[in-house]
C-alpha atoms as a PDB file:
ATOM      1  CA  MET A   1       0.000   0.000   0.000  1.00  0.00           C
ATOM      2  CA  HIS A   2       2.806   2.319   0.657  1.00  0.00           C
ATOM      3  CA  ALA A   3       3.976   2.106  -2.974  1.00  0.00           C
ATOM      4  CA  LEU A   4       0.507   3.119  -4.277  1.00  0.00           C
ATOM      5  CA  LYS A   5       0.455   6.277  -2.180  1.00  0.00           C
ATOM      6  CA  LYS A   6       3.719   7.395  -3.761  1.00  0.00           C
ATOM      7  CA  ASN A   7       2.290   7.005  -7.289  1.00  0.00           C
ATOM      8  CA  ARG A   8      -0.723   9.191  -6.632  1.00  0.00           C
ATOM      9  CA  PRO A   9       1.225  12.421  -6.114  1.00  0.00           C
ATOM     10  CA  LEU A  10       3.165  11.726  -9.305  1.00  0.00           C
ATOM     11  CA  ARG A  11      -0.087  11.229 -11.222  1.00  0.00           C
ATOM     12  CA  ARG A  12      -1.432  14.505  -9.857  1.00  0.00           C
ATOM     13  CA  VAL A  13       1.713  16.385 -10.853  1.00  0.00           C
ATOM     14  CA  THR A  14       1.611  14.874 -14.356  1.00  0.00           C
ATOM     15  CA  LEU A  15      -2.066  15.699 -14.767  1.00  0.00           C
ATOM     16  CA  ALA A  16      -1.538  19.278 -13.516  1.00  0.00           C
ATOM     17  CA  ALA A  17       1.419  19.787 -15.891  1.00  0.00           C
ATOM     18  CA  ALA A  18      -0.529  18.408 -18.860  1.00  0.00           C
ATOM     19  CA  THR A  19      -3.507  20.643 -18.027  1.00  0.00           C
ATOM     20  CA  THR A  20      -1.277  23.702 -17.722  1.00  0.00           C
ATOM     21  CA  VAL A  21       0.425  23.030 -21.053  1.00  0.00           C
ATOM     22  CA  THR A  22      -2.935  22.452 -22.767  1.00  0.00           C
ATOM     23  CA  GLY A  23      -4.348  25.688 -21.345  1.00  0.00           C
ATOM     24  CA  PHE A  24      -1.261  27.618 -22.441  1.00  0.00           C
ATOM     25  CA  VAL A  25      -1.451  26.225 -25.998  1.00  0.00           C
ATOM     26  CA  LEU A  26      -5.161  27.113 -26.219  1.00  0.00           C
ATOM     27  CA  LEU A  27      -4.447  30.624 -24.954  1.00  0.00           C
ATOM     28  CA  LEU A  28      -1.760  31.159 -27.590  1.00  0.00           C
ATOM     29  CA  SER A  29      -4.025  29.884 -30.364  1.00  0.00           C
ATOM     30  CA  LEU A  30      -6.638  32.619 -29.768  1.00  0.00           C
ATOM     31  CA  LYS A  31      -6.675  35.239 -32.508  1.00  0.00           C
ATOM     32  CA  PRO A  32      -8.193  38.727 -32.402  1.00  0.00           C
ATOM     33  CA  HIS A  33     -11.228  39.555 -34.562  1.00  0.00           C
ATOM     34  CA  THR A  34      -9.246  41.962 -36.766  1.00  0.00           C
ATOM     35  CA  PRO A  35      -5.454  42.038 -36.682  1.00  0.00           C
ATOM     36  CA  PRO A  36      -4.129  45.586 -36.166  1.00  0.00           C
ATOM     37  CA  ALA A  37      -1.367  45.433 -38.816  1.00  0.00           C
ATOM     38  CA  PRO A  38      -3.629  44.720 -41.835  1.00  0.00           C
ATOM     39  CA  ALA A  39      -6.091  47.393 -40.665  1.00  0.00           C
ATOM     40  CA  GLU A  40      -3.326  50.006 -40.809  1.00  0.00           C
ATOM     41  CA  ALA A  41      -2.220  48.871 -44.252  1.00  0.00           C
ATOM     42  CA  SER A  42      -5.769  48.828 -45.634  1.00  0.00           C
ATOM     43  CA  SER A  43      -6.471  52.341 -44.336  1.00  0.00           C
ATOM     44  CA  SER A  44      -3.664  53.803 -46.423  1.00  0.00           C
ATOM     45  CA  VAL A  45      -4.757  51.749 -49.414  1.00  0.00           C
ATOM     46  CA  GLY A  46      -8.387  52.755 -48.905  1.00  0.00           C
ATOM     47  CA  ARG A  47      -7.537  56.434 -48.776  1.00  0.00           C
ATOM     48  CA  SER A  48      -5.406  56.368 -51.887  1.00  0.00           C
ATOM     49  CA  SER A  49      -7.976  54.407 -53.894  1.00  0.00           C
ATOM     50  CA  THR A  50     -10.852  56.674 -52.871  1.00  0.00           C
ATOM     51  CA  ALA A  51      -8.999  59.918 -53.469  1.00  0.00           C
ATOM     52  CA  SER A  52     -10.099  60.118 -57.099  1.00  0.00           C
ATOM     53  CA  PRO A  53     -13.847  59.592 -56.444  1.00  0.00           C
ATOM     54  CA  GLY A  54     -13.785  62.267 -53.742  1.00  0.00           C
ATOM     55  CA  GLY A  55     -11.818  64.534 -56.056  1.00  0.00           C
ATOM     56  CA  SER A  56     -14.209  63.997 -58.936  1.00  0.00           C
ATOM     57  CA  SER A  57     -17.256  64.884 -56.832  1.00  0.00           C
ATOM     58  CA  GLY A  58     -15.355  67.886 -55.494  1.00  0.00           C
ATOM     59  CA  SER A  59     -14.622  69.024 -59.042  1.00  0.00           C
ATOM     60  CA  SER A  60     -18.277  68.651 -60.039  1.00  0.00           C
ATOM     61  CA  ALA A  61     -19.161  70.689 -56.974  1.00  0.00           C
ATOM     62  CA  GLY A  62     -16.721  73.354 -58.131  1.00  0.00           C
ATOM     63  CA  THR A  63     -18.513  73.699 -61.454  1.00  0.00           C
ATOM     64  CA  SER A  64     -21.785  74.573 -59.751  1.00  0.00           C
ATOM     65  CA  GLY A  65     -20.396  77.715 -58.129  1.00  0.00           C
ATOM     66  CA  GLY A  66     -18.918  78.963 -54.857  1.00  0.00           C
ATOM     67  CA  SER A  67     -19.242  77.508 -51.405  1.00  0.00           C
ATOM     68  CA  LYS A  68     -22.619  79.175 -50.778  1.00  0.00           C
ATOM     69  CA  SER A  69     -23.976  78.491 -54.262  1.00  0.00           C
ATOM     70  CA  THR A  70     -27.572  77.922 -55.157  1.00  0.00           C
ATOM     71  CA  GLY A  71     -28.803  74.660 -56.593  1.00  0.00           C
ATOM     72  CA  SER A  72     -28.355  71.073 -55.587  1.00  0.00           C
ATOM     73  CA  ARG A  73     -25.094  69.143 -55.503  1.00  0.00           C
ATOM     74  CA  THR A  74     -23.845  65.896 -54.056  1.00  0.00           C
ATOM     75  CA  VAL A  75     -20.483  65.445 -52.362  1.00  0.00           C
ATOM     76  CA  THR A  76     -18.935  62.186 -51.171  1.00  0.00           C
ATOM     77  CA  GLY A  77     -16.548  62.183 -48.225  1.00  0.00           C
ATOM     78  CA  ASP A  78     -13.358  60.175 -47.856  1.00  0.00           C
ATOM     79  CA  THR A  79     -13.538  56.519 -46.897  1.00  0.00           C
ATOM     80  CA  VAL A  80     -12.562  56.180 -43.246  1.00  0.00           C
ATOM     81  CA  GLN A  81     -11.172  52.798 -42.180  1.00  0.00           C
ATOM     82  CA  THR A  82     -12.483  51.820 -38.744  1.00  0.00           C
ATOM     83  CA  ARG A  83     -11.709  48.780 -36.621  1.00  0.00           C
ATOM     84  CA  TRP A  84     -14.724  46.911 -38.044  1.00  0.00           C
ATOM     85  CA  GLY A  85     -14.653  48.162 -41.642  1.00  0.00           C
ATOM     86  CA  PRO A  86     -14.801  51.213 -43.913  1.00  0.00           C
ATOM     87  CA  VAL A  87     -17.292  54.060 -43.483  1.00  0.00           C
ATOM     88  CA  GLN A  88     -18.086  56.614 -46.196  1.00  0.00           C
ATOM     89  CA  VAL A  89     -20.758  59.336 -46.289  1.00  0.00           C
ATOM     90  CA  ARG A  90     -22.425  61.139 -49.210  1.00  0.00           C
ATOM     91  CA  ILE A  91     -24.312  64.389 -48.636  1.00  0.00           C
ATOM     92  CA  THR A  92     -26.658  66.408 -50.816  1.00  0.00           C
ATOM     93  CA  LEU A  93     -26.590  70.183 -50.459  1.00  0.00           C
ATOM     94  CA  GLU A  94     -29.182  72.723 -51.556  1.00  0.00           C
ATOM     95  CA  ASP A  95     -28.480  76.430 -51.078  1.00  0.00           C
ATOM     96  CA  GLY A  96     -25.670  75.637 -48.618  1.00  0.00           C
ATOM     97  CA  ARG A  97     -27.830  73.383 -46.404  1.00  0.00           C
ATOM     98  CA  ILE A  98     -27.546  69.616 -45.969  1.00  0.00           C
ATOM     99  CA  THR A  99     -30.773  68.115 -47.320  1.00  0.00           C
ATOM    100  CA  GLU A 100     -29.695  64.471 -47.426  1.00  0.00           C
ATOM    101  CA  SER A 101     -27.009  62.354 -45.803  1.00  0.00           C
ATOM    102  CA  ALA A 102     -26.398  58.716 -46.645  1.00  0.00           C
ATOM    103  CA  ALA A 103     -23.812  56.161 -45.606  1.00  0.00           C
ATOM    104  CA  VAL A 104     -22.392  54.797 -48.858  1.00  0.00           C
ATOM    105  CA  ALA A 105     -20.142  52.275 -47.091  1.00  0.00           C
ATOM    106  CA  TYR A 106     -20.332  50.906 -43.566  1.00  0.00           C
ATOM    107  CA  PRO A 107     -19.428  47.641 -41.772  1.00  0.00           C
ATOM    108  CA  SER A 108     -21.900  44.898 -42.723  1.00  0.00           C
ATOM    109  CA  GLU A 109     -19.819  41.725 -42.965  1.00  0.00           C
ATOM    110  CA  ASN A 110     -21.548  39.810 -40.179  1.00  0.00           C
ATOM    111  CA  PRO A 111     -24.985  39.752 -38.527  1.00  0.00           C
ATOM    112  CA  ARG A 112     -23.775  41.753 -35.524  1.00  0.00           C
ATOM    113  CA  ASP A 113     -22.485  44.579 -37.771  1.00  0.00           C
ATOM    114  CA  GLN A 114     -25.794  44.562 -39.647  1.00  0.00           C
ATOM    115  CA  GLU A 115     -27.763  44.721 -36.401  1.00  0.00           C
ATOM    116  CA  ILE A 116     -25.734  47.591 -34.972  1.00  0.00           C
ATOM    117  CA  ASN A 117     -25.722  49.654 -38.149  1.00  0.00           C
ATOM    118  CA  SER A 118     -29.426  49.109 -38.860  1.00  0.00           C
ATOM    119  CA  TYR A 119     -30.193  51.463 -35.973  1.00  0.00           C
ATOM    120  CA  ALA A 120     -26.960  53.537 -35.933  1.00  0.00           C
ATOM    121  CA  ILE A 121     -26.933  54.776 -39.550  1.00  0.00           C
ATOM    122  CA  PRO A 122     -30.492  56.237 -39.505  1.00  0.00           C
ATOM    123  CA  GLN A 123     -29.759  57.926 -36.164  1.00  0.00           C
ATOM    124  CA  LEU A 124     -26.531  59.454 -37.526  1.00  0.00           C
ATOM    125  CA  ARG A 125     -28.455  60.668 -40.596  1.00  0.00           C
ATOM    126  CA  ARG A 126     -31.079  62.384 -38.399  1.00  0.00           C
ATOM    127  CA  GLU A 127     -28.365  63.988 -36.279  1.00  0.00           C
ATOM    128  CA  THR A 128     -26.605  65.284 -39.409  1.00  0.00           C
ATOM    129  CA  LEU A 129     -29.754  66.845 -40.848  1.00  0.00           C
ATOM    130  CA  ALA A 130     -30.589  68.462 -37.496  1.00  0.00           C
ATOM    131  CA  ALA A 131     -27.083  69.776 -36.754  1.00  0.00           C
ATOM    132  CA  GLN A 132     -26.193  70.802 -40.341  1.00  0.00           C
ATOM    133  CA  SER A 133     -22.572  70.009 -39.464  1.00  0.00           C
ATOM    134  CA  ALA A 134     -20.292  67.167 -38.403  1.00  0.00           C
ATOM    135  CA  GLN A 135     -20.728  68.140 -34.738  1.00  0.00           C
ATOM    136  CA  ILE A 136     -23.103  65.260 -34.001  1.00  0.00           C
ATOM    137  CA  ASP A 137     -23.484  62.838 -31.101  1.00  0.00           C
ATOM    138  CA  SER A 138     -22.136  59.308 -31.359  1.00  0.00           C
ATOM    139  CA  VAL A 139     -24.578  56.425 -31.213  1.00  0.00           C
ATOM    140  CA  SER A 140     -24.131  54.287 -28.115  1.00  0.00           C
ATOM    141  CA  GLY A 141     -22.967  50.811 -29.066  1.00  0.00           C
ATOM    142  CA  ALA A 142     -21.732  51.982 -32.478  1.00  0.00           C
ATOM    143  CA  THR A 143     -18.786  54.131 -31.464  1.00  0.00           C
ATOM    144  CA  TYR A 144     -16.430  53.086 -34.274  1.00  0.00           C
ATOM    145  CA  THR A 145     -19.096  53.544 -36.954  1.00  0.00           C
ATOM    146  CA  SER A 146     -20.098  56.902 -35.433  1.00  0.00           C
ATOM    147  CA  ASP A 147     -16.515  58.164 -35.405  1.00  0.00           C
ATOM    148  CA  GLY A 148     -15.936  57.037 -38.986  1.00  0.00           C
ATOM    149  CA  TYR A 149     -19.251  58.620 -40.062  1.00  0.00           C
ATOM    150  CA  LYS A 150     -18.309  61.957 -38.482  1.00  0.00           C
ATOM    151  CA  GLN A 151     -14.848  61.948 -40.084  1.00  0.00           C
ATOM    152  CA  SER A 152     -16.229  61.146 -43.530  1.00  0.00           C
ATOM    153  CA  LEU A 153     -18.997  63.719 -43.076  1.00  0.00           C
ATOM    154  CA  GLN A 154     -16.435  66.381 -42.161  1.00  0.00           C
ATOM    155  CA  SER A 155     -14.425  65.420 -45.242  1.00  0.00           C
ATOM    156  CA  ALA A 156     -17.515  65.874 -47.436  1.00  0.00           C
ATOM    157  CA  LEU A 157     -18.274  69.237 -45.837  1.00  0.00           C
ATOM    158  CA  ASP A 158     -14.675  70.322 -46.382  1.00  0.00           C
ATOM    159  CA  SER A 159     -14.870  69.266 -50.040  1.00  0.00           C
ATOM    160  CA  ALA A 160     -18.079  71.289 -50.399  1.00  0.00           C
ATOM    161  CA  GLY A 161     -16.427  74.324 -48.856  1.00  0.00           C
ATOM    162  CA  LEU A 162     -18.695  74.486 -45.810  1.00  0.00           C
END
């Protein structure tokens, strides 16, 4: 009996070591939702590829007159790369006032993104039309989308000369 009691502590130590190693391997195998390095690289690519569409809408806005011109024109802001995906806003101006605001691009890759943005985008649109500027409140639960929306909106307003 004495020999069996000596084996039990060894079994416990072996089991504890195996459990620790397994837990450590599982911990190291976890991966974040979006790796930070590709997000940085895609933001510079996204900005360079969207520079010409923003420039072309800015040039069409220039043909309609000065910054406080009459008539209707549409301006698209820069694409802003957020943690969860790109956000881009297009605004319509009439007589120097924002009459329409629409999110051209926003995160919608998974059901959670779709759920969040189904209530965030309309709220951001209402805020934009009420404020007539990019000084709008963020939507709770959609902070990254809200920040990207405001940055793209400010870019569109800058392109329009407002």
